[in-house]
């Protein structure tokens, strides 16, 4: 890493819910956060569910979130890499972000090493034991034939159906995984423990869980969950030595 530079991680902005006004206020806060870190950022990871719904037709994307999209383009134009992970709410991405915004998009977790520290980074959905119903739904959501069928819908109808569904999501209704279940009952914590048996990572960094967590897995490994931006406005910062979970604007 370059001297004085840091790597930032954030996830689960869920832009678009619960109301237009609240989403717009949250979007402006996110843009202020990006402005506050742009001078020190070596890389920025956006770790899934940035939008509560995102679908790319061949020539059409959902309207809204213009301030965030413009800020991301500004960052990448300035030479700051922005890495985007698809989440369970915005998994249907094609080429718009890479081509228009210069963003690298990943659909699955990746491994990285910075300053000798190893990272396992991903949104986190579908990992670990349990949650069989969601894992089944995820296979359906990624089924090429079902995606082809949805693409046949007019965008007005397709986005209407999706937004109706979003209003019933746990982040929109306030059921946002606020309770800590204990290490052994946290699925992503169990996933991290199992992965450590196969390969060492200093840091596992995930979103999806919605609860900000910084847990010790072993003496040399930690599980970081990034939380979300409706209630917590938390993000992680790696200064080249340690990862710290922080809150933006209180």
Protein backbone atom coordinates (compact mmCIF):
# COMPACT_ATOMS: atom_id res chain seq x y z
CA UNK A 1 0.00 0.00 0.00
CA UNK A 2 1.05 3.57 -0.63
CA UNK A 3 2.16 5.61 2.35
CA UNK A 4 -0.71 7.43 4.02
CA UNK A 5 -3.36 5.61 1.99
CA UNK A 6 -6.22 3.45 3.29
CA UNK A 7 -8.67 0.91 1.97
CA UNK A 8 -12.36 1.36 2.71
CA UNK A 9 -15.25 -1.09 2.82
CA UNK A 10 -19.00 -0.39 3.02
CA UNK A 11 -22.17 -2.27 2.13
CA UNK A 12 -25.95 -2.41 2.39
CA UNK A 13 -26.92 1.16 1.50
CA UNK A 14 -30.26 -0.23 0.22
CA UNK A 15 -30.94 2.90 -1.78
CA UNK A 16 -34.53 3.16 -2.94
CA UNK A 17 -36.29 2.27 0.33
CA UNK A 18 -38.20 2.80 2.51
CA UNK A 19 -39.30 6.10 0.91
CA UNK A 20 -37.94 8.34 -1.83
CA UNK A 21 -37.22 11.13 0.67
CA UNK A 22 -35.40 8.91 3.16
CA UNK A 23 -33.41 7.22 0.41
CA UNK A 24 -32.38 10.61 -1.03
CA UNK A 25 -31.22 11.84 2.38
CA UNK A 26 -29.22 8.63 2.85
CA UNK A 27 -27.73 8.93 -0.64
CA UNK A 28 -26.51 12.46 0.10
CA UNK A 29 -24.89 11.19 3.31
CA UNK A 30 -23.12 8.41 1.39
CA UNK A 31 -21.80 10.96 -1.11
CA UNK A 32 -20.50 13.07 1.79
CA UNK A 33 -18.74 9.98 3.15
CA UNK A 34 -17.13 9.29 -0.22
CA UNK A 35 -16.01 12.93 -0.40
CA UNK A 36 -14.51 12.63 3.08
CA UNK A 37 -12.35 9.63 2.16
CA UNK A 38 -11.39 10.35 -1.44
CA UNK A 39 -8.05 11.99 -0.60
CA UNK A 40 -6.91 9.05 1.57
CA UNK A 41 -8.48 6.18 -0.39
CA UNK A 42 -6.26 3.75 -2.23
CA UNK A 43 -9.25 1.52 -3.03
CA UNK A 44 -12.95 1.52 -2.13
CA UNK A 45 -14.97 -1.68 -1.79
CA UNK A 46 -18.76 -1.50 -2.05
CA UNK A 47 -19.73 -4.91 -0.76
CA UNK A 48 -23.25 -5.53 -2.07
CA UNK A 49 -26.87 -4.39 -1.66
CA UNK A 50 -25.90 -0.85 -2.56
CA UNK A 51 -29.34 -0.66 -4.16
CA UNK A 52 -32.46 -2.26 -2.76
CA UNK A 53 -33.18 -3.27 -6.34
CA UNK A 54 -31.11 -3.11 -9.48
CA UNK A 55 -31.89 -4.65 -12.86
CA UNK A 56 -30.18 -3.90 -16.14
CA UNK A 57 -32.16 -4.26 -19.31
CA UNK A 58 -30.08 -3.99 -22.47
CA UNK A 59 -30.74 -0.26 -22.84
CA UNK A 60 -32.42 0.63 -19.52
CA UNK A 61 -31.43 0.90 -15.86
CA UNK A 62 -33.51 2.00 -12.83
CA UNK A 63 -33.78 5.76 -12.49
CA UNK A 64 -32.53 7.46 -9.35
CA UNK A 65 -29.34 7.42 -7.28
CA UNK A 66 -27.79 9.90 -9.72
CA UNK A 67 -25.64 11.56 -7.08
CA UNK A 68 -24.02 8.28 -6.06
CA UNK A 69 -23.41 7.16 -9.65
CA UNK A 70 -21.85 10.52 -10.49
CA UNK A 71 -19.62 10.42 -7.40
CA UNK A 72 -18.41 6.89 -8.26
CA UNK A 73 -17.54 8.06 -11.78
CA UNK A 74 -15.66 11.02 -10.30
CA UNK A 75 -13.63 8.69 -8.07
CA UNK A 76 -12.70 6.26 -10.81
CA UNK A 77 -11.87 9.14 -13.19
CA UNK A 78 -9.47 10.37 -10.49
CA UNK A 79 -7.73 6.98 -10.53
CA UNK A 80 -9.27 5.52 -7.35
CA UNK A 81 -10.34 1.90 -7.95
CA UNK A 82 -13.92 1.18 -6.89
CA UNK A 83 -14.74 -2.52 -6.48
CA UNK A 84 -18.40 -3.50 -6.44
CA UNK A 85 -19.89 -6.78 -5.24
CA UNK A 86 -23.36 -7.83 -6.26
CA UNK A 87 -25.63 -8.60 -3.32
CA UNK A 88 -28.91 -10.42 -3.05
CA UNK A 89 -30.80 -7.20 -3.93
CA UNK A 90 -28.62 -6.03 -6.82
CA UNK A 91 -27.26 -9.24 -8.33
CA UNK A 92 -28.59 -8.53 -11.83
CA UNK A 93 -25.73 -6.43 -13.14
CA UNK A 94 -24.25 -6.63 -16.61
CA UNK A 95 -21.88 -4.11 -18.18
CA UNK A 96 -23.21 -0.71 -17.13
CA UNK A 97 -20.97 -0.24 -14.10
CA UNK A 98 -17.73 -1.40 -15.78
CA UNK A 99 -18.38 0.49 -19.04
CA UNK A 100 -19.96 3.71 -17.77
CA UNK A 101 -18.43 4.09 -14.31
CA UNK A 102 -15.12 2.25 -14.58
CA UNK A 103 -16.05 -0.05 -11.69
CA UNK A 104 -14.85 -3.63 -11.25
CA UNK A 105 -17.80 -5.92 -10.47
CA UNK A 106 -17.59 -9.29 -8.71
CA UNK A 107 -20.42 -11.77 -8.26
CA UNK A 108 -18.58 -14.02 -5.80
CA UNK A 109 -16.16 -13.54 -2.87
CA UNK A 110 -12.53 -12.75 -3.66
CA UNK A 111 -9.20 -13.03 -1.85
CA UNK A 112 -6.73 -10.17 -1.55
CA UNK A 113 -3.43 -9.47 0.25
CA UNK A 114 -2.41 -5.98 1.39
CA UNK A 115 0.78 -5.31 3.36
CA UNK A 116 1.02 -8.99 4.19
CA UNK A 117 -2.55 -9.14 5.55
CA UNK A 118 -4.88 -11.58 3.82
CA UNK A 119 -8.53 -10.72 3.18
CA UNK A 120 -11.58 -12.76 2.21
CA UNK A 121 -14.19 -10.29 0.89
CA UNK A 122 -17.75 -10.83 -0.30
CA UNK A 123 -21.35 -9.82 0.28
CA UNK A 124 -21.96 -12.94 2.36
CA UNK A 125 -25.37 -14.09 1.16
CA UNK A 126 -25.75 -17.84 0.81
CA UNK A 127 -22.59 -18.65 2.78
CA UNK A 128 -22.42 -20.83 5.86
CA UNK A 129 -24.92 -23.35 7.20
CA UNK A 130 -28.69 -22.87 7.22
CA UNK A 131 -30.85 -20.44 5.22
CA UNK A 132 -31.84 -23.22 2.82
CA UNK A 133 -34.88 -21.33 1.52
CA UNK A 134 -32.80 -18.31 0.47
CA UNK A 135 -30.17 -20.53 -1.16
CA UNK A 136 -32.93 -22.10 -3.23
CA UNK A 137 -34.30 -18.67 -4.18
CA UNK A 138 -30.83 -17.47 -5.15
CA UNK A 139 -30.52 -20.33 -7.63
CA UNK A 140 -33.87 -19.29 -9.08
CA UNK A 141 -32.82 -15.63 -9.26
CA UNK A 142 -29.69 -16.61 -11.19
CA UNK A 143 -31.44 -19.07 -13.50
CA UNK A 144 -30.76 -17.90 -17.05
CA UNK A 145 -34.19 -18.91 -18.34
CA UNK A 146 -36.00 -17.03 -15.55
CA UNK A 147 -33.80 -13.98 -16.15
CA UNK A 148 -34.64 -14.19 -19.86
CA UNK A 149 -38.34 -14.31 -18.99
CA UNK A 150 -38.10 -11.24 -16.71
CA UNK A 151 -36.23 -9.36 -19.44
CA UNK A 152 -39.23 -9.83 -21.70
CA UNK A 153 -41.32 -7.65 -19.37
CA UNK A 154 -41.62 -3.95 -20.14
CA UNK A 155 -39.32 -2.02 -17.75
CA UNK A 156 -42.31 -0.16 -16.25
CA UNK A 157 -43.88 -3.49 -15.25
CA UNK A 158 -40.60 -5.16 -14.27
CA UNK A 159 -39.52 -2.30 -11.99
CA UNK A 160 -43.03 -2.04 -10.51
CA UNK A 161 -43.00 -5.72 -9.52
CA UNK A 162 -39.49 -5.41 -8.07
CA UNK A 163 -40.27 -2.29 -6.04
CA UNK A 164 -43.43 -3.85 -4.64
CA UNK A 165 -41.29 -6.76 -3.49
CA UNK A 166 -38.64 -4.41 -2.03
CA UNK A 167 -41.23 -2.76 0.22
CA UNK A 168 -41.60 -6.10 2.00
CA UNK A 169 -37.86 -6.63 2.48
CA UNK A 170 -36.46 -6.80 6.02
CA UNK A 171 -34.45 -3.59 5.63
CA UNK A 172 -37.51 -1.66 4.43
CA UNK A 173 -39.88 -2.91 7.11
CA UNK A 174 -37.38 -2.37 9.93
CA UNK A 175 -36.72 -6.07 10.58
CA UNK A 176 -33.01 -5.52 10.08
CA UNK A 177 -31.28 -8.33 11.99
CA UNK A 178 -30.70 -6.17 15.05
CA UNK A 179 -30.14 -9.01 17.51
CA UNK A 180 -26.73 -10.63 17.88
CA UNK A 181 -27.29 -14.40 17.93
CA UNK A 182 -24.03 -15.45 19.59
CA UNK A 183 -20.96 -16.67 17.74
CA UNK A 184 -22.12 -20.25 17.23
CA UNK A 185 -25.48 -19.13 15.80
CA UNK A 186 -24.09 -16.55 13.40
CA UNK A 187 -23.94 -18.29 10.03
CA UNK A 188 -21.16 -16.14 8.61
CA UNK A 189 -19.06 -16.63 11.74
CA UNK A 190 -19.47 -20.41 11.29
CA UNK A 191 -18.46 -20.04 7.64
CA UNK A 192 -15.30 -18.17 8.66
CA UNK A 193 -14.34 -20.87 11.17
CA UNK A 194 -14.74 -23.56 8.52
CA UNK A 195 -12.69 -21.60 5.98
CA UNK A 196 -9.87 -21.14 8.49
CA UNK A 197 -9.51 -24.91 8.65
CA UNK A 198 -8.63 -24.86 4.96
CA UNK A 199 -6.73 -21.57 4.59
CA UNK A 200 -5.71 -18.70 6.85
CA UNK A 201 -7.15 -15.21 6.41
CA UNK A 202 -6.42 -12.29 8.69
CA UNK A 203 -9.77 -10.67 7.90
CA UNK A 204 -13.12 -11.89 6.64
CA UNK A 205 -15.15 -8.89 5.48
CA UNK A 206 -18.86 -9.26 4.66
CA UNK A 207 -22.07 -7.29 4.38
CA UNK A 208 -25.57 -8.82 4.22
CA UNK A 209 -25.94 -9.41 7.97
CA UNK A 210 -26.88 -5.73 8.59
CA UNK A 211 -25.41 -5.77 12.11
CA UNK A 212 -21.98 -4.12 12.59
CA UNK A 213 -19.70 -6.84 13.98
CA UNK A 214 -15.98 -7.13 14.70
CA UNK A 215 -15.44 -10.60 16.14
CA UNK A 216 -12.33 -12.60 16.94
CA UNK A 217 -12.32 -15.99 15.19
CA UNK A 218 -8.82 -16.90 16.32
CA UNK A 219 -5.82 -15.04 17.74
CA UNK A 220 -4.84 -14.00 14.21
CA UNK A 221 -8.16 -13.79 12.39
CA UNK A 222 -11.25 -11.56 12.64
CA UNK A 223 -14.73 -11.47 11.12
CA UNK A 224 -15.93 -7.98 10.19
CA UNK A 225 -19.53 -7.33 9.22
CA UNK A 226 -20.04 -3.89 7.76
CA UNK A 227 -23.58 -3.22 9.00
CA UNK A 228 -26.01 -1.07 6.99
CA UNK A 229 -26.74 2.61 6.36
CA UNK A 230 -30.37 3.00 7.41
CA UNK A 231 -29.63 2.59 11.13
CA UNK A 232 -25.85 2.42 11.60
CA UNK A 233 -23.90 4.15 8.79
CA UNK A 234 -20.86 1.99 9.51
CA UNK A 235 -17.86 1.16 7.35
CA UNK A 236 -14.46 -0.49 7.73
CA UNK A 237 -11.08 1.15 7.27
CA UNK A 238 -7.77 -0.65 6.74
CA UNK A 239 -4.77 1.57 7.43
CA UNK A 240 -2.18 -0.97 6.32
CA UNK A 241 -1.93 -2.54 9.78
CA UNK A 242 -5.40 -3.02 11.26
CA UNK A 243 -9.04 -2.98 10.19
CA UNK A 244 -11.28 -0.72 12.24
CA UNK A 245 -15.07 -0.48 12.11
CA UNK A 246 -16.19 3.17 12.11
CA UNK A 247 -19.39 5.21 12.02
CA UNK A 248 -19.95 8.17 9.68
CA UNK A 249 -21.63 11.30 11.09
CA UNK A 250 -22.56 9.67 14.37
